[in-house]
Amino acid sequence: YAISVEAKKIIAVLDLEDNAYLRSETLERILVKSNMT
């Protein structure tokens, strides 16, 4: 998803439905995980 051009660093991403914060991860690890499943 594209987000605001003002964003320079993400502090937190909050899932409003679960009231839980998402973890930050590197692109490499996300790509490896998404290739496995």
PDB file of all heavy atoms in Angstrom:
ATOM      1  N   TYR A   1       0.843  -1.204   0.000  1.00  0.00           N
ATOM      2  CA  TYR A   1       0.000   0.000   0.000  1.00  0.00           C
ATOM      3  C   TYR A   1       0.873   1.247   0.000  1.00  0.00           C
ATOM      4  O   TYR A   1       1.861   1.318   0.731  1.00  0.00           O
ATOM      5  CB  TYR A   1      -0.901   0.028   1.246  1.00  0.00           C
ATOM      6  CG  TYR A   1      -1.865  -1.123   1.271  1.00  0.00           C
ATOM      7  CD1 TYR A   1      -1.501  -2.345   1.828  1.00  0.00           C
ATOM      8  CD2 TYR A   1      -3.127  -0.999   0.704  1.00  0.00           C
ATOM      9  CE1 TYR A   1      -2.376  -3.419   1.831  1.00  0.00           C
ATOM     10  CE2 TYR A   1      -4.005  -2.070   0.699  1.00  0.00           C
ATOM     11  CZ  TYR A   1      -3.626  -3.271   1.263  1.00  0.00           C
ATOM     12  OH  TYR A   1      -4.490  -4.326   1.254  1.00  0.00           O
ATOM     13  N   ALA A   2       0.500   2.221  -0.808  1.00  0.00           N
ATOM     14  CA  ALA A   2       1.176   3.522  -0.792  1.00  0.00           C
ATOM     15  C   ALA A   2       0.690   4.295   0.421  1.00  0.00           C
ATOM     16  O   ALA A   2      -0.494   4.244   0.767  1.00  0.00           O
ATOM     17  CB  ALA A   2       0.872   4.297  -2.064  1.00  0.00           C
ATOM     18  N   ILE A   3       1.610   4.981   1.085  1.00  0.00           N
ATOM     19  CA  ILE A   3       1.231   5.809   2.231  1.00  0.00           C
ATOM     20  C   ILE A   3       1.738   7.228   2.023  1.00  0.00           C
ATOM     21  O   ILE A   3       2.391   7.520   1.023  1.00  0.00           O
ATOM     22  CB  ILE A   3       1.726   5.214   3.570  1.00  0.00           C
ATOM     23  CG1 ILE A   3       3.236   5.101   3.603  1.00  0.00           C
ATOM     24  CG2 ILE A   3       1.107   3.849   3.817  1.00  0.00           C
ATOM     25  CD1 ILE A   3       3.769   4.679   4.961  1.00  0.00           C
ATOM     26  N   SER A   4       1.466   8.091   2.957  1.00  0.00           N
ATOM     27  CA  SER A   4       1.783   9.514   2.851  1.00  0.00           C
ATOM     28  C   SER A   4       3.250   9.756   2.495  1.00  0.00           C
ATOM     29  O   SER A   4       4.146   9.118   3.044  1.00  0.00           O
ATOM     30  CB  SER A   4       1.468  10.209   4.176  1.00  0.00           C
ATOM     31  OG  SER A   4       1.916  11.542   4.130  1.00  0.00           O
ATOM     32  N   VAL A   5       3.466  10.688   1.588  1.00  0.00           N
ATOM     33  CA  VAL A   5       4.835  11.034   1.196  1.00  0.00           C
ATOM     34  C   VAL A   5       5.598  11.695   2.344  1.00  0.00           C
ATOM     35  O   VAL A   5       6.818  11.789   2.299  1.00  0.00           O
ATOM     36  CB  VAL A   5       4.861  11.948  -0.052  1.00  0.00           C
ATOM     37  CG1 VAL A   5       4.334  11.217  -1.262  1.00  0.00           C
ATOM     38  CG2 VAL A   5       4.106  13.236   0.191  1.00  0.00           C
ATOM     39  N   GLU A   6       4.887  12.147   3.367  1.00  0.00           N
ATOM     40  CA  GLU A   6       5.543  12.737   4.537  1.00  0.00           C
ATOM     41  C   GLU A   6       6.231  11.695   5.411  1.00  0.00           C
ATOM     42  O   GLU A   6       7.113  12.022   6.180  1.00  0.00           O
ATOM     43  CB  GLU A   6       4.525  13.494   5.384  1.00  0.00           C
ATOM     44  CG  GLU A   6       3.961  14.730   4.746  1.00  0.00           C
ATOM     45  CD  GLU A   6       2.991  15.435   5.674  1.00  0.00           C
ATOM     46  OE1 GLU A   6       2.584  14.858   6.694  1.00  0.00           O
ATOM     47  OE2 GLU A   6       2.660  16.590   5.366  1.00  0.00           O
ATOM     48  N   ALA A   7       5.834  10.430   5.298  1.00  0.00           N
ATOM     49  CA  ALA A   7       6.376   9.368   6.152  1.00  0.00           C
ATOM     50  C   ALA A   7       7.838   9.102   5.806  1.00  0.00           C
ATOM     51  O   ALA A   7       8.170   8.803   4.671  1.00  0.00           O
ATOM     52  CB  ALA A   7       5.559   8.096   5.996  1.00  0.00           C
ATOM     53  N   LYS A   8       8.690   9.239   6.809  1.00  0.00           N
ATOM     54  CA  LYS A   8      10.120   8.968   6.633  1.00  0.00           C
ATOM     55  C   LYS A   8      10.559   7.737   7.414  1.00  0.00           C
ATOM     56  O   LYS A   8      11.540   7.103   7.082  1.00  0.00           O
ATOM     57  CB  LYS A   8      10.962  10.170   7.078  1.00  0.00           C
ATOM     58  CG  LYS A   8      10.631  11.448   6.349  1.00  0.00           C
ATOM     59  CD  LYS A   8      10.828  11.317   4.853  1.00  0.00           C
ATOM     60  CE  LYS A   8      10.431  12.588   4.134  1.00  0.00           C
ATOM     61  NZ  LYS A   8      10.006  12.395   2.796  1.00  0.00           N
ATOM     62  N   LYS A   9       9.830   7.419   8.472  1.00  0.00           N
ATOM     63  CA  LYS A   9      10.124   6.235   9.274  1.00  0.00           C
ATOM     64  C   LYS A   9       8.836   5.827   9.982  1.00  0.00           C
ATOM     65  O   LYS A   9       8.145   6.675  10.535  1.00  0.00           O
ATOM     66  CB  LYS A   9      11.210   6.544  10.306  1.00  0.00           C
ATOM     67  CG  LYS A   9      11.561   5.358  11.161  1.00  0.00           C
ATOM     68  CD  LYS A   9      12.607   5.695  12.199  1.00  0.00           C
ATOM     69  CE  LYS A   9      12.868   4.467  13.040  1.00  0.00           C
ATOM     70  NZ  LYS A   9      13.643   4.761  14.209  1.00  0.00           N
ATOM     71  N   ILE A  10       8.528   4.535   9.976  1.00  0.00           N
ATOM     72  CA  ILE A  10       7.327   4.055  10.661  1.00  0.00           C
ATOM     73  C   ILE A  10       7.640   3.843  12.139  1.00  0.00           C
ATOM     74  O   ILE A  10       8.618   3.181  12.489  1.00  0.00           O
ATOM     75  CB  ILE A  10       6.831   2.727  10.046  1.00  0.00           C
ATOM     76  CG1 ILE A  10       6.436   2.924   8.585  1.00  0.00           C
ATOM     77  CG2 ILE A  10       5.677   2.151  10.852  1.00  0.00           C
ATOM     78  CD1 ILE A  10       5.202   3.755   8.364  1.00  0.00           C
ATOM     79  N   ILE A  11       6.811   4.422  12.988  1.00  0.00           N
ATOM     80  CA  ILE A  11       6.950   4.239  14.435  1.00  0.00           C
ATOM     81  C   ILE A  11       6.138   3.023  14.865  1.00  0.00           C
ATOM     82  O   ILE A  11       6.614   2.181  15.617  1.00  0.00           O
ATOM     83  CB  ILE A  11       6.475   5.498  15.194  1.00  0.00           C
ATOM     84  CG1 ILE A  11       7.321   6.706  14.790  1.00  0.00           C
ATOM     85  CG2 ILE A  11       6.515   5.258  16.691  1.00  0.00           C
ATOM     86  CD1 ILE A  11       6.763   8.026  15.258  1.00  0.00           C
ATOM     87  N   ALA A  12       4.896   2.925  14.368  1.00  0.00           N
ATOM     88  CA  ALA A  12       4.029   1.810  14.755  1.00  0.00           C
ATOM     89  C   ALA A  12       2.909   1.635  13.747  1.00  0.00           C
ATOM     90  O   ALA A  12       2.457   2.597  13.118  1.00  0.00           O
ATOM     91  CB  ALA A  12       3.433   2.054  16.135  1.00  0.00           C
ATOM     92  N   VAL A  13       2.460   0.375  13.599  1.00  0.00           N
ATOM     93  CA  VAL A  13       1.288   0.047  12.780  1.00  0.00           C
ATOM     94  C   VAL A  13       0.331  -0.709  13.696  1.00  0.00           C
ATOM     95  O   VAL A  13       0.657  -1.785  14.196  1.00  0.00           O
ATOM     96  CB  VAL A  13       1.659  -0.819  11.554  1.00  0.00           C
ATOM     97  CG1 VAL A  13       0.409  -1.178  10.771  1.00  0.00           C
ATOM     98  CG2 VAL A  13       2.662  -0.091  10.670  1.00  0.00           C
ATOM     99  N   LEU A  14      -0.836  -0.128  13.934  1.00  0.00           N
ATOM    100  CA  LEU A  14      -1.822  -0.699  14.853  1.00  0.00           C
ATOM    101  C   LEU A  14      -2.987  -1.296  14.076  1.00  0.00           C
ATOM    102  O   LEU A  14      -3.637  -0.614  13.279  1.00  0.00           O
ATOM    103  CB  LEU A  14      -2.339   0.377  15.810  1.00  0.00           C
ATOM    104  CG  LEU A  14      -3.454  -0.022  16.770  1.00  0.00           C
ATOM    105  CD1 LEU A  14      -2.978  -1.100  17.749  1.00  0.00           C
ATOM    106  CD2 LEU A  14      -3.964   1.197  17.530  1.00  0.00           C
ATOM    107  N   ASP A  15      -3.249  -2.587  14.318  1.00  0.00           N
ATOM    108  CA  ASP A  15      -4.408  -3.271  13.749  1.00  0.00           C
ATOM    109  C   ASP A  15      -5.597  -2.896  14.635  1.00  0.00           C
ATOM    110  O   ASP A  15      -5.666  -3.289  15.797  1.00  0.00           O
ATOM    111  CB  ASP A  15      -4.172  -4.780  13.750  1.00  0.00           C
ATOM    112  CG  ASP A  15      -5.311  -5.560  13.118  1.00  0.00           C
ATOM    113  OD1 ASP A  15      -6.467  -5.072  13.131  1.00  0.00           O
ATOM    114  OD2 ASP A  15      -5.056  -6.662  12.631  1.00  0.00           O
ATOM    115  N   LEU A  16      -6.524  -2.128  14.104  1.00  0.00           N
ATOM    116  CA  LEU A  16      -7.641  -1.630  14.910  1.00  0.00           C
ATOM    117  C   LEU A  16      -8.633  -2.728  15.289  1.00  0.00           C
ATOM    118  O   LEU A  16      -9.271  -2.660  16.338  1.00  0.00           O
ATOM    119  CB  LEU A  16      -8.364  -0.503  14.174  1.00  0.00           C
ATOM    120  CG  LEU A  16      -7.516   0.757  13.945  1.00  0.00           C
ATOM    121  CD1 LEU A  16      -8.279   1.776  13.121  1.00  0.00           C
ATOM    122  CD2 LEU A  16      -7.072   1.355  15.267  1.00  0.00           C
ATOM    123  N   GLU A  17      -8.746  -3.748  14.456  1.00  0.00           N
ATOM    124  CA  GLU A  17      -9.684  -4.830  14.747  1.00  0.00           C
ATOM    125  C   GLU A  17      -9.209  -5.677  15.934  1.00  0.00           C
ATOM    126  O   GLU A  17      -9.984  -6.026  16.815  1.00  0.00           O
ATOM    127  CB  GLU A  17      -9.849  -5.715  13.515  1.00  0.00           C
ATOM    128  CG  GLU A  17     -10.980  -6.701  13.628  1.00  0.00           C
ATOM    129  CD  GLU A  17     -11.212  -7.415  12.314  1.00  0.00           C
ATOM    130  OE1 GLU A  17     -11.164  -6.761  11.254  1.00  0.00           O
ATOM    131  OE2 GLU A  17     -11.444  -8.639  12.354  1.00  0.00           O
ATOM    132  N   ASP A  18      -7.911  -6.006  15.949  1.00  0.00           N
ATOM    133  CA  ASP A  18      -7.353  -6.827  17.031  1.00  0.00           C
ATOM    134  C   ASP A  18      -6.718  -5.998  18.144  1.00  0.00           C
ATOM    135  O   ASP A  18      -6.297  -6.545  19.154  1.00  0.00           O
ATOM    136  CB  ASP A  18      -6.300  -7.790  16.479  1.00  0.00           C
ATOM    137  CG  ASP A  18      -6.901  -8.838  15.573  1.00  0.00           C
ATOM    138  OD1 ASP A  18      -8.131  -9.052  15.653  1.00  0.00           O
ATOM    139  OD2 ASP A  18      -6.145  -9.433  14.788  1.00  0.00           O
ATOM    140  N   ASN A  19      -6.617  -4.686  17.937  1.00  0.00           N
ATOM    141  CA  ASN A  19      -5.942  -3.794  18.873  1.00  0.00           C
ATOM    142  C   ASN A  19      -4.535  -4.312  19.189  1.00  0.00           C
ATOM    143  O   ASN A  19      -4.127  -4.403  20.348  1.00  0.00           O
ATOM    144  CB  ASN A  19      -6.752  -3.603  20.157  1.00  0.00           C
ATOM    145  CG  ASN A  19      -6.286  -2.377  20.923  1.00  0.00           C
ATOM    146  OD1 ASN A  19      -5.780  -1.429  20.336  1.00  0.00           O
ATOM    147  ND2 ASN A  19      -6.448  -2.407  22.234  1.00  0.00           N
ATOM    148  N   ALA A  20      -3.807  -4.678  18.122  1.00  0.00           N
ATOM    149  CA  ALA A  20      -2.457  -5.227  18.270  1.00  0.00           C
ATOM    150  C   ALA A  20      -1.517  -4.523  17.291  1.00  0.00           C
ATOM    151  O   ALA A  20      -1.925  -4.141  16.188  1.00  0.00           O
ATOM    152  CB  ALA A  20      -2.470  -6.722  17.995  1.00  0.00           C
ATOM    153  N   TYR A  21      -0.264  -4.375  17.722  1.00  0.00           N
ATOM    154  CA  TYR A  21       0.743  -3.749  16.868  1.00  0.00           C
ATOM    155  C   TYR A  21       1.435  -4.799  16.009  1.00  0.00           C
ATOM    156  O   TYR A  21       1.729  -5.899  16.483  1.00  0.00           O
ATOM    157  CB  TYR A  21       1.785  -3.008  17.707  1.00  0.00           C
ATOM    158  CG  TYR A  21       1.243  -1.747  18.324  1.00  0.00           C
ATOM    159  CD1 TYR A  21       0.797  -1.743  19.635  1.00  0.00           C
ATOM    160  CD2 TYR A  21       1.165  -0.569  17.590  1.00  0.00           C
ATOM    161  CE1 TYR A  21       0.285  -0.581  20.208  1.00  0.00           C
ATOM    162  CE2 TYR A  21       0.655   0.587  18.151  1.00  0.00           C
ATOM    163  CZ  TYR A  21       0.214   0.583  19.456  1.00  0.00           C
ATOM    164  OH  TYR A  21      -0.290   1.715  20.006  1.00  0.00           O
ATOM    165  N   LEU A  22       1.708  -4.440  14.755  1.00  0.00           N
ATOM    166  CA  LEU A  22       2.449  -5.324  13.869  1.00  0.00           C
ATOM    167  C   LEU A  22       3.946  -5.153  14.129  1.00  0.00           C
ATOM    168  O   LEU A  22       4.391  -4.085  14.564  1.00  0.00           O
ATOM    169  CB  LEU A  22       2.156  -4.990  12.404  1.00  0.00           C
ATOM    170  CG  LEU A  22       0.895  -5.592  11.793  1.00  0.00           C
ATOM    171  CD1 LEU A  22      -0.346  -5.150  12.515  1.00  0.00           C
ATOM    172  CD2 LEU A  22       0.808  -5.253  10.328  1.00  0.00           C
ATOM    173  N   ARG A  23       4.718  -6.214  13.883  1.00  0.00           N
ATOM    174  CA  ARG A  23       6.171  -6.167  14.037  1.00  0.00           C
ATOM    175  C   ARG A  23       6.805  -5.669  12.748  1.00  0.00           C
ATOM    176  O   ARG A  23       6.372  -6.019  11.650  1.00  0.00           O
ATOM    177  CB  ARG A  23       6.736  -7.569  14.312  1.00  0.00           C
ATOM    178  CG  ARG A  23       6.500  -8.082  15.685  1.00  0.00           C
ATOM    179  CD  ARG A  23       7.272  -9.384  15.913  1.00  0.00           C
ATOM    180  NE  ARG A  23       7.156 -10.339  14.817  1.00  0.00           N
ATOM    181  CZ  ARG A  23       6.252 -11.304  14.742  1.00  0.00           C
ATOM    182  NH1 ARG A  23       5.363 -11.453  15.709  1.00  0.00           N
ATOM    183  NH2 ARG A  23       6.223 -12.123  13.720  1.00  0.00           N
ATOM    184  N   SER A  24       7.881  -4.916  12.894  1.00  0.00           N
ATOM    185  CA  SER A  24       8.661  -4.491  11.740  1.00  0.00           C
ATOM    186  C   SER A  24       9.569  -5.640  11.321  1.00  0.00           C
ATOM    187  O   SER A  24      10.119  -6.345  12.168  1.00  0.00           O
ATOM    188  CB  SER A  24       9.495  -3.266  12.111  1.00  0.00           C
ATOM    189  OG  SER A  24      10.320  -2.909  11.035  1.00  0.00           O
ATOM    190  N   GLU A  25       9.721  -5.824  10.016  1.00  0.00           N
ATOM    191  CA  GLU A  25      10.556  -6.906   9.506  1.00  0.00           C
ATOM    192  C   GLU A  25      11.298  -6.422   8.270  1.00  0.00           C
ATOM    193  O   GLU A  25      10.884  -5.456   7.630  1.00  0.00           O
ATOM    194  CB  GLU A  25       9.668  -8.123   9.167  1.00  0.00           C
ATOM    195  CG  GLU A  25      10.417  -9.369   8.814  1.00  0.00           C
ATOM    196  CD  GLU A  25      11.370  -9.840   9.906  1.00  0.00           C
ATOM    197  OE1 GLU A  25      10.917 -10.530  10.823  1.00  0.00           O
ATOM    198  OE2 GLU A  25      12.569  -9.488   9.833  1.00  0.00           O
ATOM    199  N   THR A  26      12.406  -7.074   7.933  1.00  0.00           N
ATOM    200  CA  THR A  26      13.149  -6.707   6.726  1.00  0.00           C
ATOM    201  C   THR A  26      12.436  -7.264   5.502  1.00  0.00           C
ATOM    202  O   THR A  26      11.719  -8.271   5.584  1.00  0.00           O
ATOM    203  CB  THR A  26      14.587  -7.265   6.757  1.00  0.00           C
ATOM    204  OG1 THR A  26      14.518  -8.697   6.740  1.00  0.00           O
ATOM    205  CG2 THR A  26      15.337  -6.769   7.975  1.00  0.00           C
ATOM    206  N   LEU A  27      12.657  -6.640   4.374  1.00  0.00           N
ATOM    207  CA  LEU A  27      12.041  -7.091   3.129  1.00  0.00           C
ATOM    208  C   LEU A  27      12.517  -8.502   2.776  1.00  0.00           C
ATOM    209  O   LEU A  27      11.726  -9.333   2.335  1.00  0.00           O
ATOM    210  CB  LEU A  27      12.356  -6.123   1.991  1.00  0.00           C
ATOM    211  CG  LEU A  27      11.773  -6.490   0.624  1.00  0.00           C
ATOM    212  CD1 LEU A  27      10.249  -6.568   0.694  1.00  0.00           C
ATOM    213  CD2 LEU A  27      12.211  -5.497  -0.421  1.00  0.00           C
ATOM    214  N   GLU A  28      13.791  -8.773   2.990  1.00  0.00           N
ATOM    215  CA  GLU A  28      14.344 -10.085   2.658  1.00  0.00           C
ATOM    216  C   GLU A  28      13.612 -11.195   3.413  1.00  0.00           C
ATOM    217  O   GLU A  28      13.255 -12.223   2.842  1.00  0.00           O
ATOM    218  CB  GLU A  28      15.843 -10.142   2.967  1.00  0.00           C
ATOM    219  CG  GLU A  28      16.692  -9.251   2.078  1.00  0.00           C
ATOM    220  CD  GLU A  28      16.650  -7.778   2.479  1.00  0.00           C
ATOM    221  OE1 GLU A  28      16.271  -7.446   3.630  1.00  0.00           O
ATOM    222  OE2 GLU A  28      16.957  -6.948   1.603  1.00  0.00           O
ATOM    223  N   ARG A  29      13.391 -10.997   4.700  1.00  0.00           N
ATOM    224  CA  ARG A  29      12.723 -12.026   5.502  1.00  0.00           C
ATOM    225  C   ARG A  29      11.260 -12.199   5.082  1.00  0.00           C
ATOM    226  O   ARG A  29      10.749 -13.301   5.050  1.00  0.00           O
ATOM    227  CB  ARG A  29      12.838 -11.708   6.983  1.00  0.00           C
ATOM    228  CG  ARG A  29      14.294 -11.877   7.448  1.00  0.00           C
ATOM    229  CD  ARG A  29      14.438 -11.848   8.927  1.00  0.00           C
ATOM    230  NE  ARG A  29      13.503 -12.675   9.633  1.00  0.00           N
ATOM    231  CZ  ARG A  29      13.803 -13.828  10.219  1.00  0.00           C
ATOM    232  NH1 ARG A  29      15.004 -14.300  10.165  1.00  0.00           N
ATOM    233  NH2 ARG A  29      12.886 -14.496  10.879  1.00  0.00           N
ATOM    234  N   ILE A  30      10.601 -11.098   4.762  1.00  0.00           N
ATOM    235  CA  ILE A  30       9.207 -11.195   4.304  1.00  0.00           C
ATOM    236  C   ILE A  30       9.144 -11.943   2.971  1.00  0.00           C
ATOM    237  O   ILE A  30       8.282 -12.790   2.766  1.00  0.00           O
ATOM    238  CB  ILE A  30       8.549  -9.806   4.205  1.00  0.00           C
ATOM    239  CG1 ILE A  30       8.239  -9.303   5.617  1.00  0.00           C
ATOM    240  CG2 ILE A  30       7.287  -9.847   3.356  1.00  0.00           C
ATOM    241  CD1 ILE A  30       7.602  -7.941   5.689  1.00  0.00           C
ATOM    242  N   LEU A  31      10.078 -11.660   2.074  1.00  0.00           N
ATOM    243  CA  LEU A  31      10.088 -12.346   0.783  1.00  0.00           C
ATOM    244  C   LEU A  31      10.355 -13.843   0.949  1.00  0.00           C
ATOM    245  O   LEU A  31       9.725 -14.667   0.282  1.00  0.00           O
ATOM    246  CB  LEU A  31      11.127 -11.722  -0.146  1.00  0.00           C
ATOM    247  CG  LEU A  31      10.797 -10.316  -0.648  1.00  0.00           C
ATOM    248  CD1 LEU A  31      11.941  -9.753  -1.471  1.00  0.00           C
ATOM    249  CD2 LEU A  31       9.498 -10.299  -1.421  1.00  0.00           C
ATOM    250  N   VAL A  32      11.268 -14.205   1.842  1.00  0.00           N
ATOM    251  CA  VAL A  32      11.545 -15.618   2.098  1.00  0.00           C
ATOM    252  C   VAL A  32      10.299 -16.297   2.646  1.00  0.00           C
ATOM    253  O   VAL A  32       9.907 -17.372   2.186  1.00  0.00           O
ATOM    254  CB  VAL A  32      12.740 -15.786   3.070  1.00  0.00           C
ATOM    255  CG1 VAL A  32      12.821 -17.213   3.602  1.00  0.00           C
ATOM    256  CG2 VAL A  32      14.032 -15.394   2.389  1.00  0.00           C
ATOM    257  N   LYS A  33       9.659 -15.671   3.615  1.00  0.00           N
ATOM    258  CA  LYS A  33       8.445 -16.249   4.205  1.00  0.00           C
ATOM    259  C   LYS A  33       7.332 -16.373   3.172  1.00  0.00           C
ATOM    260  O   LYS A  33       6.613 -17.370   3.137  1.00  0.00           O
ATOM    261  CB  LYS A  33       7.959 -15.399   5.376  1.00  0.00           C
ATOM    262  CG  LYS A  33       8.860 -15.446   6.583  1.00  0.00           C
ATOM    263  CD  LYS A  33       8.342 -14.494   7.645  1.00  0.00           C
ATOM    264  CE  LYS A  33       9.288 -14.371   8.799  1.00  0.00           C
ATOM    265  NZ  LYS A  33       8.813 -13.409   9.809  1.00  0.00           N
ATOM    266  N   SER A  34       7.166 -15.363   2.324  1.00  0.00           N
ATOM    267  CA  SER A  34       6.079 -15.409   1.349  1.00  0.00           C
ATOM    268  C   SER A  34       6.363 -16.426   0.247  1.00  0.00           C
ATOM    269  O   SER A  34       5.432 -16.937  -0.361  1.00  0.00           O
ATOM    270  CB  SER A  34       5.800 -14.029   0.766  1.00  0.00           C
ATOM    271  OG  SER A  34       6.939 -13.535   0.117  1.00  0.00           O
ATOM    272  N   ASN A  35       7.626 -16.758  -0.008  1.00  0.00           N
ATOM    273  CA  ASN A  35       7.957 -17.799  -0.992  1.00  0.00           C
ATOM    274  C   ASN A  35       7.721 -19.198  -0.426  1.00  0.00           C
ATOM    275  O   ASN A  35       7.497 -20.139  -1.178  1.00  0.00           O
ATOM    276  CB  ASN A  35       9.408 -17.673  -1.450  1.00  0.00           C
ATOM    277  CG  ASN A  35       9.592 -16.504  -2.386  1.00  0.00           C
ATOM    278  OD1 ASN A  35       8.655 -16.082  -3.060  1.00  0.00           O
ATOM    279  ND2 ASN A  35      10.797 -15.962  -2.420  1.00  0.00           N
ATOM    280  N   MET A  36       7.790 -19.318   0.890  1.00  0.00           N
ATOM    281  CA  MET A  36       7.606 -20.628   1.517  1.00  0.00           C
ATOM    282  C   MET A  36       6.131 -20.979   1.659  1.00  0.00           C
ATOM    283  O   MET A  36       5.765 -22.139   1.680  1.00  0.00           O
ATOM    284  CB  MET A  36       8.268 -20.671   2.894  1.00  0.00           C
ATOM    285  CG  MET A  36       9.785 -20.569   2.821  1.00  0.00           C
ATOM    286  SD  MET A  36      10.636 -20.785   4.395  1.00  0.00           S
ATOM    287  CE  MET A  36       9.694 -19.872   5.563  1.00  0.00           C
ATOM    288  N   THR A  37       5.282 -19.983   1.781  1.00  0.00           N
ATOM    289  CA  THR A  37       3.857 -20.228   1.983  1.00  0.00           C
ATOM    290  C   THR A  37       3.039 -19.256   1.152  1.00  0.00           C
ATOM    291  O   THR A  37       3.525 -18.219   0.725  1.00  0.00           O
ATOM    292  CB  THR A  37       3.457 -20.029   3.460  1.00  0.00           C
ATOM    293  OG1 THR A  37       3.717 -18.667   3.808  1.00  0.00           O
ATOM    294  CG2 THR A  37       4.201 -20.961   4.382  1.00  0.00           C
TER     295      THR A  37
END
